[in-house]
Amino acid sequence: MGAGKLKLVLNTLLILAFLVVARDFMIYKKKSRVFESEVEELEEQIFQLRREADTLRERVRKLETDPATIEREVRNRFGMVAPGEEVLSDTETAPRAKR
């Protein structure tokens, strides 16, 4: 094999190697963008879950310590009333239709 042919083969192999590396790099960049997007979505979910956890912690604290919160929850959840109070149903408070 002559020096010219050897140089041509080596240059061809070098170009092919470059193309393979370039292709792999492009695949890597595409996957990287997808992963970055997924990370951003997960970070947003974490932020929202932390806010929700803080809200729930505050609600638990109030339910454990605040008498007004406890009373409101008992009234809403169990329909309890204080002595002397009257319970109105929805039909009693709704406007009556004209006949």
Protein backbone atom coordinates (compact mmCIF):
# COMPACT_ATOMS: atom_id res chain seq x y z
CA MET A 1 0.00 0.00 0.00
CA GLY A 2 1.42 3.35 -1.00
CA ALA A 3 1.79 6.34 1.30
CA GLY A 4 -1.02 8.18 -0.51
CA LYS A 5 -3.49 5.31 -0.05
CA LEU A 6 -2.49 4.90 3.62
CA LYS A 7 -3.02 8.62 4.18
CA LEU A 8 -6.46 8.39 2.50
CA VAL A 9 -7.49 5.39 4.63
CA LEU A 10 -6.29 7.08 7.84
CA ASN A 11 -8.11 10.31 6.95
CA THR A 12 -11.27 8.35 6.17
CA LEU A 13 -11.04 6.49 9.50
CA LEU A 14 -10.43 9.78 11.30
CA ILE A 15 -13.52 11.33 9.67
CA LEU A 16 -15.64 8.27 10.52
CA ALA A 17 -14.43 8.37 14.13
CA PHE A 18 -15.27 12.07 14.27
CA LEU A 19 -18.77 11.41 12.88
CA VAL A 20 -19.40 8.64 15.42
CA VAL A 21 -18.26 10.90 18.28
CA ALA A 22 -20.36 13.78 16.93
CA ARG A 23 -23.43 11.54 16.68
CA ASP A 24 -22.93 10.24 20.21
CA PHE A 25 -22.47 13.80 21.46
CA MET A 26 -25.73 14.89 19.85
CA ILE A 27 -27.57 11.93 21.41
CA TYR A 28 -26.03 12.83 24.78
CA LYS A 29 -27.11 16.49 24.44
CA LYS A 30 -30.68 15.49 23.56
CA LYS A 31 -30.90 13.13 26.55
CA SER A 32 -29.33 15.78 28.74
CA ARG A 33 -32.06 18.29 27.80
CA VAL A 34 -34.75 15.71 28.58
CA PHE A 35 -33.16 14.97 31.96
CA GLU A 36 -32.85 18.68 32.76
CA SER A 37 -36.54 19.13 31.99
CA GLU A 38 -37.45 16.17 34.20
CA VAL A 39 -35.28 17.56 37.02
CA GLU A 40 -37.06 20.92 36.77
CA GLU A 41 -40.46 19.21 36.93
CA LEU A 42 -39.39 17.13 39.94
CA GLU A 43 -38.00 20.21 41.71
CA GLU A 44 -41.34 21.96 41.18
CA GLN A 45 -43.17 18.93 42.59
CA ILE A 46 -40.86 18.93 45.60
CA PHE A 47 -41.52 22.64 46.15
CA GLN A 48 -45.29 22.11 45.98
CA LEU A 49 -45.14 19.09 48.30
CA ARG A 50 -43.05 21.04 50.82
CA ARG A 51 -45.60 23.86 50.76
CA GLU A 52 -48.40 21.34 51.26
CA ALA A 53 -46.49 19.69 54.12
CA ASP A 54 -45.97 23.09 55.78
CA THR A 55 -49.69 23.83 55.45
CA LEU A 56 -50.60 20.45 56.93
CA ARG A 57 -48.11 20.88 59.78
CA GLU A 58 -49.69 24.24 60.59
CA ARG A 59 -53.17 22.69 60.49
CA VAL A 60 -52.08 19.90 62.84
CA ARG A 61 -50.52 22.46 65.19
CA LYS A 62 -53.76 24.44 65.27
CA LEU A 63 -55.85 21.31 65.78
CA GLU A 64 -53.64 20.38 68.72
CA THR A 65 -53.49 23.81 70.35
CA ASP A 66 -56.11 26.30 69.12
CA PRO A 67 -59.54 25.93 70.75
CA ALA A 68 -61.30 27.96 68.02
CA THR A 69 -59.89 25.70 65.30
CA ILE A 70 -60.87 22.59 67.25
CA GLU A 71 -64.41 23.90 67.78
CA ARG A 72 -64.80 24.86 64.12
CA GLU A 73 -63.59 21.42 62.99
CA VAL A 74 -65.94 19.60 65.38
CA ARG A 75 -68.89 21.74 64.28
CA ASN A 76 -68.14 21.20 60.57
CA ARG A 77 -67.23 17.54 60.70
CA PHE A 78 -69.76 16.23 63.21
CA GLY A 79 -72.53 18.84 62.95
CA MET A 80 -72.33 19.59 66.66
CA VAL A 81 -73.88 22.70 68.16
CA ALA A 82 -73.44 24.51 71.45
CA PRO A 83 -76.25 24.37 74.02
CA GLY A 84 -79.02 26.80 73.10
CA GLU A 85 -78.08 27.01 69.40
CA GLU A 86 -80.50 25.98 66.68
CA VAL A 87 -79.51 24.19 63.52
CA LEU A 88 -80.91 25.54 60.26
CA SER A 89 -81.15 23.23 57.28
CA ASP A 90 -80.33 24.34 53.76
CA THR A 91 -84.01 24.40 52.87
CA GLU A 92 -84.77 26.79 55.73
CA THR A 93 -82.08 29.27 54.65
CA ALA A 94 -82.55 29.03 50.87
CA PRO A 95 -84.70 31.69 49.21
CA ARG A 96 -88.19 30.45 48.47
CA ALA A 97 -89.38 30.31 44.89
CA LYS A 98 -92.34 32.55 44.05
CA ARG A 99 -95.50 30.67 43.20
